[in-house]
Amino acid sequence: MTQPIKTMGESTDAVPPPIRETSRFKNALQELKKAPLTAKFGLLVISAYIFVALFAPLIAPYGESQIVGPEYEPWGHFVLGTDNLGRDMLTRLIYGARNTVGIAFVTTLFAFFIGGSAGIFAAILGGWVDSVFSRIVDILMAIPQLIFALLLLTIFGTSIPVLIGIIAVLDSTRVFRLARAVSQNVVVMDYVEVARLRGERIGWITLREVLPNITAPLVAEFGMRFCFVFLLIAGLSFLGLGLQPPTADWGSMVRDNATLISYGDITPLLPAAAIALLTVGTNFVVDWFLHKTSGLKS
């Protein structure tokens, strides 16, 4: 039986062996294993809050506004007792995660869409566009955010859409400053100039050239902005201008049950502890992300 003649440049192997590539999921798991304990704790806290917010109706023992017993019932039959109207505190705490955290997340998304888009366009276009946007932001930032929010909420009302819109616009000023600063470092690069010479539109330059190179600082800033928005909404609710009854909110829960502290009852401190725990967990994750991205750059 004759053997096939191998000519120069040919290989006896018709198909090269496949190269196995590690999936993104495995890479994420490997990075998570290398993460410090604080970052793992923060991720665990955020995951728990997301789970509670998504499945609040299934987890909560009662309805959000259901009156289940007498006012200020101590811990026992009801796990965390009842509030000033006889509603179950554990139920209100669970629904508060959905309302407070969910609205804060949506508000932060809107703030980043408004401020991030304006900051990137100001850096790309420059000239009078940059000057007009920057002066508007300077005027908004010159007024204390909490006082400005209280004034606008008093004028326009305290409905959820109004609350989200006002806080998103006010918080977008901080996002604008960061997005403009980091974008200005990118728009002077050669590949952006080449894209402009090719006649690419602003949208293409933004999505393909600028945005991928400023994602890391924006993601880190998103976590920090979320904490500030979250605390601002809780503070406004504590003052009576945030989420309105009967919607469960951690800030209003502290206000409504504050009298219990005089009797040595720590129930009003539970919503405050939930606020503090989420803030600390988010900061842990943001610090780890910043350290990780700075290590990759170096």
C-alpha atoms as a PDB file:
ATOM      1  CA  MET A   1       0.000   0.000   0.000  1.00  0.00           C
ATOM      2  CA  THR A   2       1.514   3.268  -1.068  1.00  0.00           C
ATOM      3  CA  GLN A   3       1.990   6.041   1.460  1.00  0.00           C
ATOM      4  CA  PRO A   4       0.848   9.558   0.563  1.00  0.00           C
ATOM      5  CA  ILE A   5       3.684  11.751  -0.551  1.00  0.00           C
ATOM      6  CA  LYS A   6       4.127  14.758   1.756  1.00  0.00           C
ATOM      7  CA  THR A   7       5.197  17.809  -0.194  1.00  0.00           C
ATOM      8  CA  MET A   8       7.103  20.684   1.302  1.00  0.00           C
ATOM      9  CA  GLY A   9       4.897  23.050   3.307  1.00  0.00           C
ATOM     10  CA  GLU A  10       2.157  20.452   3.823  1.00  0.00           C
ATOM     11  CA  SER A  11       1.234  19.017   7.191  1.00  0.00           C
ATOM     12  CA  THR A  12      -0.003  15.524   7.834  1.00  0.00           C
ATOM     13  CA  ASP A  13      -2.552  16.903  10.299  1.00  0.00           C
ATOM     14  CA  ALA A  14      -5.548  18.109   8.341  1.00  0.00           C
ATOM     15  CA  VAL A  15      -7.132  20.022  11.265  1.00  0.00           C
ATOM     16  CA  PRO A  16      -5.076  21.618  14.028  1.00  0.00           C
ATOM     17  CA  PRO A  17      -6.094  20.704  17.549  1.00  0.00           C
ATOM     18  CA  PRO A  18      -8.645  23.155  18.973  1.00  0.00           C
ATOM     19  CA  ILE A  19      -7.366  25.687  21.448  1.00  0.00           C
ATOM     20  CA  ARG A  20      -9.467  25.858  24.565  1.00  0.00           C
ATOM     21  CA  GLU A  21     -10.164  29.361  25.769  1.00  0.00           C
ATOM     22  CA  THR A  22     -11.183  30.116  29.320  1.00  0.00           C
ATOM     23  CA  SER A  23     -14.699  31.466  29.403  1.00  0.00           C
ATOM     24  CA  ARG A  24     -15.517  34.855  30.824  1.00  0.00           C
ATOM     25  CA  PHE A  25     -17.465  33.204  33.607  1.00  0.00           C
ATOM     26  CA  LYS A  26     -14.388  31.240  34.708  1.00  0.00           C
ATOM     27  CA  ASN A  27     -12.278  34.384  34.517  1.00  0.00           C
ATOM     28  CA  ALA A  28     -14.784  36.174  36.714  1.00  0.00           C
ATOM     29  CA  LEU A  29     -14.702  33.335  39.231  1.00  0.00           C
ATOM     30  CA  GLN A  30     -10.917  33.413  39.296  1.00  0.00           C
ATOM     31  CA  GLU A  31     -10.908  37.170  39.890  1.00  0.00           C
ATOM     32  CA  LEU A  32     -13.496  36.735  42.619  1.00  0.00           C
ATOM     33  CA  LYS A  33     -11.358  34.131  44.367  1.00  0.00           C
ATOM     34  CA  LYS A  34      -8.433  36.550  44.349  1.00  0.00           C
ATOM     35  CA  ALA A  35     -10.576  39.371  45.743  1.00  0.00           C
ATOM     36  CA  PRO A  36      -9.918  40.491  49.327  1.00  0.00           C
ATOM     37  CA  LEU A  37     -12.304  39.559  52.097  1.00  0.00           C
ATOM     38  CA  THR A  38     -13.819  43.044  52.203  1.00  0.00           C
ATOM     39  CA  ALA A  39     -14.749  42.896  48.514  1.00  0.00           C
ATOM     40  CA  LYS A  40     -16.328  39.463  48.945  1.00  0.00           C
ATOM     41  CA  PHE A  41     -18.297  40.769  51.901  1.00  0.00           C
ATOM     42  CA  GLY A  42     -19.476  43.746  49.834  1.00  0.00           C
ATOM     43  CA  LEU A  43     -20.547  41.517  46.948  1.00  0.00           C
ATOM     44  CA  LEU A  44     -22.408  39.270  49.369  1.00  0.00           C
ATOM     45  CA  VAL A  45     -24.248  42.240  50.871  1.00  0.00           C
ATOM     46  CA  ILE A  46     -25.185  43.657  47.454  1.00  0.00           C
ATOM     47  CA  SER A  47     -26.367  40.243  46.245  1.00  0.00           C
ATOM     48  CA  ALA A  48     -28.514  39.806  49.371  1.00  0.00           C
ATOM     49  CA  TYR A  49     -30.110  43.231  48.910  1.00  0.00           C
ATOM     50  CA  ILE A  50     -30.830  42.534  45.240  1.00  0.00           C
ATOM     51  CA  PHE A  51     -32.417  39.199  46.130  1.00  0.00           C
ATOM     52  CA  VAL A  52     -34.609  40.763  48.817  1.00  0.00           C
ATOM     53  CA  ALA A  53     -35.621  43.633  46.518  1.00  0.00           C
ATOM     54  CA  LEU A  54     -36.590  41.316  43.661  1.00  0.00           C
ATOM     55  CA  PHE A  55     -38.505  38.777  45.730  1.00  0.00           C
ATOM     56  CA  ALA A  56     -39.952  41.045  48.411  1.00  0.00           C
ATOM     57  CA  PRO A  57     -43.593  39.929  47.863  1.00  0.00           C
ATOM     58  CA  LEU A  58     -42.553  36.286  48.276  1.00  0.00           C
ATOM     59  CA  ILE A  59     -40.312  36.834  51.313  1.00  0.00           C
ATOM     60  CA  ALA A  60     -42.389  39.295  53.308  1.00  0.00           C
ATOM     61  CA  PRO A  61     -44.827  37.642  55.756  1.00  0.00           C
ATOM     62  CA  TYR A  62     -47.517  40.337  55.288  1.00  0.00           C
ATOM     63  CA  GLY A  63     -48.573  43.020  52.847  1.00  0.00           C
ATOM     64  CA  GLU A  64     -46.601  46.241  52.568  1.00  0.00           C
ATOM     65  CA  SER A  65     -49.310  48.396  54.201  1.00  0.00           C
ATOM     66  CA  GLN A  66     -51.256  45.693  56.041  1.00  0.00           C
ATOM     67  CA  ILE A  67     -52.110  46.450  59.685  1.00  0.00           C
ATOM     68  CA  VAL A  68     -51.469  43.222  61.569  1.00  0.00           C
ATOM     69  CA  GLY A  69     -51.572  44.194  65.255  1.00  0.00           C
ATOM     70  CA  PRO A  70     -51.513  46.984  67.835  1.00  0.00           C
ATOM     71  CA  GLU A  71     -49.129  49.908  67.596  1.00  0.00           C
ATOM     72  CA  TYR A  72     -45.569  49.406  68.772  1.00  0.00           C
ATOM     73  CA  GLU A  73     -45.958  45.702  69.499  1.00  0.00           C
ATOM     74  CA  PRO A  74     -42.617  44.459  70.948  1.00  0.00           C
ATOM     75  CA  TRP A  75     -40.531  41.747  69.353  1.00  0.00           C
ATOM     76  CA  GLY A  76     -41.952  38.266  69.746  1.00  0.00           C
ATOM     77  CA  HIS A  77     -45.115  37.219  67.929  1.00  0.00           C
ATOM     78  CA  PHE A  78     -44.019  39.586  65.148  1.00  0.00           C
ATOM     79  CA  VAL A  79     -40.300  39.053  64.616  1.00  0.00           C
ATOM     80  CA  LEU A  80     -39.375  42.742  64.759  1.00  0.00           C
ATOM     81  CA  GLY A  81     -42.588  44.013  66.281  1.00  0.00           C
ATOM     82  CA  THR A  82     -44.945  46.567  64.724  1.00  0.00           C
ATOM     83  CA  ASP A  83     -44.636  50.229  63.850  1.00  0.00           C
ATOM     84  CA  ASN A  84     -46.655  53.301  64.842  1.00  0.00           C
ATOM     85  CA  LEU A  85     -49.676  52.088  62.836  1.00  0.00           C
ATOM     86  CA  GLY A  86     -49.489  48.403  63.716  1.00  0.00           C
ATOM     87  CA  ARG A  87     -47.759  47.273  60.517  1.00  0.00           C
ATOM     88  CA  ASP A  88     -45.181  44.492  60.613  1.00  0.00           C
ATOM     89  CA  MET A  89     -41.701  46.003  60.828  1.00  0.00           C
ATOM     90  CA  LEU A  90     -39.980  43.059  59.132  1.00  0.00           C
ATOM     91  CA  THR A  91     -42.343  43.351  56.175  1.00  0.00           C
ATOM     92  CA  ARG A  92     -41.778  47.091  55.917  1.00  0.00           C
ATOM     93  CA  LEU A  93     -38.023  46.555  56.138  1.00  0.00           C
ATOM     94  CA  ILE A  94     -38.122  44.051  53.260  1.00  0.00           C
ATOM     95  CA  TYR A  95     -40.295  46.242  51.054  1.00  0.00           C
ATOM     96  CA  GLY A  96     -38.099  49.198  51.924  1.00  0.00           C
ATOM     97  CA  ALA A  97     -35.216  47.434  50.185  1.00  0.00           C
ATOM     98  CA  ARG A  98     -37.259  47.222  46.995  1.00  0.00           C
ATOM     99  CA  ASN A  99     -38.451  50.831  47.103  1.00  0.00           C
ATOM    100  CA  THR A 100     -35.436  52.707  48.421  1.00  0.00           C
ATOM    101  CA  VAL A 101     -32.733  50.713  46.630  1.00  0.00           C
ATOM    102  CA  GLY A 102     -34.721  50.324  43.405  1.00  0.00           C
ATOM    103  CA  ILE A 103     -35.530  54.013  43.092  1.00  0.00           C
ATOM    104  CA  ALA A 104     -31.946  54.962  43.964  1.00  0.00           C
ATOM    105  CA  PHE A 105     -30.627  52.631  41.251  1.00  0.00           C
ATOM    106  CA  VAL A 106     -32.990  54.007  38.601  1.00  0.00           C
ATOM    107  CA  THR A 107     -32.155  57.568  39.638  1.00  0.00           C
ATOM    108  CA  THR A 108     -28.425  56.882  39.372  1.00  0.00           C
ATOM    109  CA  LEU A 109     -28.902  55.399  35.886  1.00  0.00           C
ATOM    110  CA  PHE A 110     -30.718  58.547  34.738  1.00  0.00           C
ATOM    111  CA  ALA A 111     -28.069  60.759  36.314  1.00  0.00           C
ATOM    112  CA  PHE A 112     -25.315  58.913  34.454  1.00  0.00           C
ATOM    113  CA  PHE A 113     -27.213  59.023  31.181  1.00  0.00           C
ATOM    114  CA  ILE A 114     -27.733  62.790  31.450  1.00  0.00           C
ATOM    115  CA  GLY A 115     -24.383  63.781  32.931  1.00  0.00           C
ATOM    116  CA  GLY A 116     -22.301  61.206  31.070  1.00  0.00           C
ATOM    117  CA  SER A 117     -23.758  62.063  27.663  1.00  0.00           C
ATOM    118  CA  ALA A 118     -23.410  65.802  28.229  1.00  0.00           C
ATOM    119  CA  GLY A 119     -19.839  65.444  29.522  1.00  0.00           C
ATOM    120  CA  ILE A 120     -18.677  63.301  26.601  1.00  0.00           C
ATOM    121  CA  PHE A 121     -20.316  65.554  23.991  1.00  0.00           C
ATOM    122  CA  ALA A 122     -18.832  68.651  25.650  1.00  0.00           C
ATOM    123  CA  ALA A 123     -15.352  67.102  25.470  1.00  0.00           C
ATOM    124  CA  ILE A 124     -15.752  65.992  21.839  1.00  0.00           C
ATOM    125  CA  LEU A 125     -17.370  69.167  20.469  1.00  0.00           C
ATOM    126  CA  GLY A 126     -15.521  71.687  22.648  1.00  0.00           C
ATOM    127  CA  GLY A 127     -15.934  75.384  21.866  1.00  0.00           C
ATOM    128  CA  TRP A 128     -19.182  77.099  22.831  1.00  0.00           C
ATOM    129  CA  VAL A 129     -20.928  73.791  23.556  1.00  0.00           C
ATOM    130  CA  ASP A 130     -18.380  72.953  26.228  1.00  0.00           C
ATOM    131  CA  SER A 131     -18.587  76.469  27.658  1.00  0.00           C
ATOM    132  CA  VAL A 132     -22.402  76.506  27.862  1.00  0.00           C
ATOM    133  CA  PHE A 133     -22.642  73.048  29.439  1.00  0.00           C
ATOM    134  CA  SER A 134     -19.868  73.814  31.921  1.00  0.00           C
ATOM    135  CA  ARG A 135     -21.433  77.114  33.037  1.00  0.00           C
ATOM    136  CA  ILE A 136     -24.841  75.477  33.569  1.00  0.00           C
ATOM    137  CA  VAL A 137     -23.211  72.782  35.677  1.00  0.00           C
ATOM    138  CA  ASP A 138     -21.275  75.379  37.676  1.00  0.00           C
ATOM    139  CA  ILE A 139     -24.506  77.230  38.482  1.00  0.00           C
ATOM    140  CA  LEU A 140     -26.255  74.028  39.616  1.00  0.00           C
ATOM    141  CA  MET A 141     -23.287  72.950  41.732  1.00  0.00           C
ATOM    142  CA  ALA A 142     -23.070  76.369  43.401  1.00  0.00           C
ATOM    143  CA  ILE A 143     -26.360  75.643  45.240  1.00  0.00           C
ATOM    144  CA  PRO A 144     -26.222  73.012  48.039  1.00  0.00           C
ATOM    145  CA  GLN A 145     -27.795  69.853  46.671  1.00  0.00           C
ATOM    146  CA  LEU A 146     -30.045  69.072  49.630  1.00  0.00           C
ATOM    147  CA  ILE A 147     -31.435  72.614  49.853  1.00  0.00           C
ATOM    148  CA  PHE A 148     -32.025  72.714  46.080  1.00  0.00           C
ATOM    149  CA  ALA A 149     -33.776  69.327  46.196  1.00  0.00           C
ATOM    150  CA  LEU A 150     -36.004  70.438  49.081  1.00  0.00           C
ATOM    151  CA  LEU A 151     -36.957  73.603  47.194  1.00  0.00           C
ATOM    152  CA  LEU A 152     -37.781  71.803  43.947  1.00  0.00           C
ATOM    153  CA  LEU A 153     -39.724  69.031  45.686  1.00  0.00           C
ATOM    154  CA  THR A 154     -41.766  71.638  47.545  1.00  0.00           C
ATOM    155  CA  ILE A 155     -42.637  73.309  44.225  1.00  0.00           C
ATOM    156  CA  PHE A 156     -43.238  70.282  41.986  1.00  0.00           C
ATOM    157  CA  GLY A 157     -44.495  67.738  44.536  1.00  0.00           C
ATOM    158  CA  THR A 158     -43.113  64.496  45.899  1.00  0.00           C
ATOM    159  CA  SER A 159     -44.328  61.874  43.431  1.00  0.00           C
ATOM    160  CA  ILE A 160     -41.857  59.164  42.489  1.00  0.00           C
ATOM    161  CA  PRO A 161     -41.282  60.403  38.867  1.00  0.00           C
ATOM    162  CA  VAL A 162     -40.658  63.945  40.135  1.00  0.00           C
ATOM    163  CA  LEU A 163     -38.337  62.649  42.863  1.00  0.00           C
ATOM    164  CA  ILE A 164     -36.324  60.607  40.359  1.00  0.00           C
ATOM    165  CA  GLY A 165     -36.146  63.459  37.840  1.00  0.00           C
ATOM    166  CA  ILE A 166     -35.019  66.130  40.311  1.00  0.00           C
ATOM    167  CA  ILE A 167     -32.362  64.026  42.011  1.00  0.00           C
ATOM    168  CA  ALA A 168     -31.098  62.674  38.664  1.00  0.00           C
ATOM    169  CA  VAL A 169     -30.650  66.190  37.244  1.00  0.00           C
ATOM    170  CA  LEU A 170     -28.933  67.485  40.377  1.00  0.00           C
ATOM    171  CA  ASP A 171     -26.634  64.470  40.660  1.00  0.00           C
ATOM    172  CA  SER A 172     -25.803  64.497  36.942  1.00  0.00           C
ATOM    173  CA  THR A 173     -23.649  67.595  37.527  1.00  0.00           C
ATOM    174  CA  ARG A 174     -21.045  65.473  39.350  1.00  0.00           C
ATOM    175  CA  VAL A 175     -21.162  62.857  36.614  1.00  0.00           C
ATOM    176  CA  PHE A 176     -20.718  65.579  33.981  1.00  0.00           C
ATOM    177  CA  ARG A 177     -17.518  66.852  35.589  1.00  0.00           C
ATOM    178  CA  LEU A 178     -15.975  63.371  35.691  1.00  0.00           C
ATOM    179  CA  ALA A 179     -17.102  62.310  32.200  1.00  0.00           C
ATOM    180  CA  ARG A 180     -15.858  65.569  30.679  1.00  0.00           C
ATOM    181  CA  ALA A 181     -12.474  65.335  32.429  1.00  0.00           C
ATOM    182  CA  VAL A 182     -11.714  61.745  31.425  1.00  0.00           C
ATOM    183  CA  SER A 183     -13.090  62.246  27.908  1.00  0.00           C
ATOM    184  CA  GLN A 184     -10.814  65.208  27.297  1.00  0.00           C
ATOM    185  CA  ASN A 185      -7.848  62.900  27.814  1.00  0.00           C
ATOM    186  CA  VAL A 186      -9.189  60.557  25.135  1.00  0.00           C
ATOM    187  CA  VAL A 187     -10.404  62.939  22.407  1.00  0.00           C
ATOM    188  CA  VAL A 188      -6.857  64.210  21.822  1.00  0.00           C
ATOM    189  CA  MET A 189      -5.600  60.724  20.967  1.00  0.00           C
ATOM    190  CA  ASP A 190      -4.568  59.872  17.421  1.00  0.00           C
ATOM    191  CA  TYR A 191      -7.222  57.217  16.863  1.00  0.00           C
ATOM    192  CA  VAL A 192      -9.961  59.752  17.626  1.00  0.00           C
ATOM    193  CA  GLU A 193      -8.429  62.235  15.182  1.00  0.00           C
ATOM    194  CA  VAL A 194      -8.284  59.509  12.537  1.00  0.00           C
ATOM    195  CA  ALA A 195     -11.968  58.731  13.137  1.00  0.00           C
ATOM    196  CA  ARG A 196     -12.810  62.394  12.673  1.00  0.00           C
ATOM    197  CA  LEU A 197     -10.815  62.577   9.455  1.00  0.00           C
ATOM    198  CA  ARG A 198     -12.678  59.527   8.163  1.00  0.00           C
ATOM    199  CA  GLY A 199     -15.884  61.473   8.656  1.00  0.00           C
ATOM    200  CA  GLU A 200     -17.267  59.393  11.483  1.00  0.00           C
ATOM    201  CA  ARG A 201     -20.235  60.873  13.321  1.00  0.00           C
ATOM    202  CA  ILE A 202     -20.228  61.950  16.943  1.00  0.00           C
ATOM    203  CA  GLY A 203     -22.329  58.971  18.001  1.00  0.00           C
ATOM    204  CA  TRP A 204     -19.884  56.521  16.440  1.00  0.00           C
ATOM    205  CA  ILE A 205     -16.875  58.256  18.013  1.00  0.00           C
ATOM    206  CA  THR A 206     -18.607  58.294  21.383  1.00  0.00           C
ATOM    207  CA  LEU A 207     -19.619  54.631  21.402  1.00  0.00           C
ATOM    208  CA  ARG A 208     -16.586  53.117  19.648  1.00  0.00           C
ATOM    209  CA  GLU A 209     -13.648  55.306  20.641  1.00  0.00           C
ATOM    210  CA  VAL A 210     -14.354  57.368  23.763  1.00  0.00           C
ATOM    211  CA  LEU A 211     -16.764  55.366  25.921  1.00  0.00           C
ATOM    212  CA  PRO A 212     -14.754  52.082  25.976  1.00  0.00           C
ATOM    213  CA  ASN A 213     -11.718  53.979  27.251  1.00  0.00           C
ATOM    214  CA  ILE A 214     -13.490  55.743  30.125  1.00  0.00           C
ATOM    215  CA  THR A 215     -15.627  52.844  31.370  1.00  0.00           C
ATOM    216  CA  ALA A 216     -13.505  52.003  34.423  1.00  0.00           C
ATOM    217  CA  PRO A 217     -13.706  55.409  36.173  1.00  0.00           C
ATOM    218  CA  LEU A 218     -17.394  55.724  35.274  1.00  0.00           C
ATOM    219  CA  VAL A 219     -18.216  52.319  36.769  1.00  0.00           C
ATOM    220  CA  ALA A 220     -16.393  53.212  39.973  1.00  0.00           C
ATOM    221  CA  GLU A 221     -18.166  56.560  40.093  1.00  0.00           C
ATOM    222  CA  PHE A 222     -21.503  54.796  39.568  1.00  0.00           C
ATOM    223  CA  GLY A 223     -21.042  52.897  42.813  1.00  0.00           C
ATOM    224  CA  MET A 224     -20.171  56.061  44.708  1.00  0.00           C
ATOM    225  CA  ARG A 225     -23.022  58.051  43.154  1.00  0.00           C
ATOM    226  CA  PHE A 226     -25.447  55.259  44.006  1.00  0.00           C
ATOM    227  CA  CYS A 227     -24.480  55.534  47.666  1.00  0.00           C
ATOM    228  CA  PHE A 228     -24.964  59.303  47.670  1.00  0.00           C
ATOM    229  CA  VAL A 229     -28.336  59.063  45.903  1.00  0.00           C
ATOM    230  CA  PHE A 230     -29.407  56.278  48.227  1.00  0.00           C
ATOM    231  CA  LEU A 231     -28.551  58.348  51.304  1.00  0.00           C
ATOM    232  CA  LEU A 232     -30.168  61.470  49.811  1.00  0.00           C
ATOM    233  CA  ILE A 233     -33.463  59.680  49.157  1.00  0.00           C
ATOM    234  CA  ALA A 234     -33.461  58.239  52.676  1.00  0.00           C
ATOM    235  CA  GLY A 235     -32.708  61.688  54.095  1.00  0.00           C
ATOM    236  CA  LEU A 236     -35.515  63.311  52.110  1.00  0.00           C
ATOM    237  CA  SER A 237     -37.920  60.606  53.261  1.00  0.00           C
ATOM    238  CA  PHE A 238     -36.858  61.218  56.861  1.00  0.00           C
ATOM    239  CA  LEU A 239     -37.740  64.900  56.348  1.00  0.00           C
ATOM    240  CA  GLY A 240     -41.096  63.972  54.807  1.00  0.00           C
ATOM    241  CA  LEU A 241     -40.302  64.974  51.193  1.00  0.00           C
ATOM    242  CA  GLY A 242     -39.158  61.624  49.834  1.00  0.00           C
ATOM    243  CA  LEU A 243     -41.255  58.523  49.276  1.00  0.00           C
ATOM    244  CA  GLN A 244     -44.714  59.100  50.673  1.00  0.00           C
ATOM    245  CA  PRO A 245     -46.937  56.794  52.754  1.00  0.00           C
ATOM    246  CA  PRO A 246     -48.025  54.075  52.519  1.00  0.00           C
ATOM    247  CA  THR A 247     -44.886  53.224  50.498  1.00  0.00           C
ATOM    248  CA  ALA A 248     -42.305  51.558  52.730  1.00  0.00           C
ATOM    249  CA  ASP A 249     -39.069  53.513  52.905  1.00  0.00           C
ATOM    250  CA  TRP A 250     -36.199  53.190  55.348  1.00  0.00           C
ATOM    251  CA  GLY A 251     -35.862  56.924  55.912  1.00  0.00           C
ATOM    252  CA  SER A 252     -39.532  57.398  56.806  1.00  0.00           C
ATOM    253  CA  MET A 253     -39.449  54.256  58.966  1.00  0.00           C
ATOM    254  CA  VAL A 254     -36.757  55.833  61.148  1.00  0.00           C
ATOM    255  CA  ARG A 255     -38.817  59.019  61.467  1.00  0.00           C
ATOM    256  CA  ASP A 256     -42.134  57.297  62.217  1.00  0.00           C
ATOM    257  CA  ASN A 257     -40.704  55.074  64.959  1.00  0.00           C
ATOM    258  CA  ALA A 258     -38.107  57.412  66.457  1.00  0.00           C
ATOM    259  CA  THR A 259     -40.041  57.698  69.735  1.00  0.00           C
ATOM    260  CA  LEU A 260     -39.194  54.068  70.546  1.00  0.00           C
ATOM    261  CA  ILE A 261     -35.574  55.038  71.139  1.00  0.00           C
ATOM    262  CA  SER A 262     -36.668  56.913  74.280  1.00  0.00           C
ATOM    263  CA  TYR A 263     -37.867  53.586  75.699  1.00  0.00           C
ATOM    264  CA  GLY A 264     -34.684  51.685  74.893  1.00  0.00           C
ATOM    265  CA  ASP A 265     -36.135  49.978  71.804  1.00  0.00           C
ATOM    266  CA  ILE A 266     -33.643  49.675  68.934  1.00  0.00           C
ATOM    267  CA  THR A 267     -36.322  48.989  66.306  1.00  0.00           C
ATOM    268  CA  PRO A 268     -35.959  52.447  64.640  1.00  0.00           C
ATOM    269  CA  LEU A 269     -32.238  51.777  64.261  1.00  0.00           C
ATOM    270  CA  LEU A 270     -32.812  48.723  62.049  1.00  0.00           C
ATOM    271  CA  PRO A 271     -33.643  50.724  58.885  1.00  0.00           C
ATOM    272  CA  ALA A 272     -30.671  52.981  59.627  1.00  0.00           C
ATOM    273  CA  ALA A 273     -28.472  49.876  59.977  1.00  0.00           C
ATOM    274  CA  ALA A 274     -29.765  48.565  56.636  1.00  0.00           C
ATOM    275  CA  ILE A 275     -28.812  51.880  55.018  1.00  0.00           C
ATOM    276  CA  ALA A 276     -25.345  51.832  56.592  1.00  0.00           C
ATOM    277  CA  LEU A 277     -24.701  48.192  55.670  1.00  0.00           C
ATOM    278  CA  LEU A 278     -25.482  48.714  51.983  1.00  0.00           C
ATOM    279  CA  THR A 279     -23.345  51.859  51.888  1.00  0.00           C
ATOM    280  CA  VAL A 280     -20.367  50.075  53.447  1.00  0.00           C
ATOM    281  CA  GLY A 281     -20.750  47.030  51.177  1.00  0.00           C
ATOM    282  CA  THR A 282     -20.909  49.177  48.038  1.00  0.00           C
ATOM    283  CA  ASN A 283     -17.826  51.143  49.094  1.00  0.00           C
ATOM    284  CA  PHE A 284     -15.892  47.908  49.643  1.00  0.00           C
ATOM    285  CA  VAL A 285     -16.697  46.742  46.106  1.00  0.00           C
ATOM    286  CA  VAL A 286     -15.857  50.129  44.584  1.00  0.00           C
ATOM    287  CA  ASP A 287     -12.498  50.248  46.379  1.00  0.00           C
ATOM    288  CA  TRP A 288     -11.643  46.765  45.126  1.00  0.00           C
ATOM    289  CA  PHE A 289     -12.658  47.672  41.578  1.00  0.00           C
ATOM    290  CA  LEU A 290     -10.536  50.819  41.635  1.00  0.00           C
ATOM    291  CA  HIS A 291      -7.540  48.909  42.981  1.00  0.00           C
ATOM    292  CA  LYS A 292      -8.015  46.201  40.349  1.00  0.00           C
ATOM    293  CA  THR A 293      -8.305  48.604  37.419  1.00  0.00           C
ATOM    294  CA  SER A 294      -5.351  50.692  38.572  1.00  0.00           C
ATOM    295  CA  GLY A 295      -3.288  47.499  38.841  1.00  0.00           C
ATOM    296  CA  LEU A 296      -4.184  46.528  35.277  1.00  0.00           C
ATOM    297  CA  LYS A 297      -3.171  49.934  33.973  1.00  0.00           C
ATOM    298  CA  SER A 298       0.174  49.838  35.724  1.00  0.00           C
END
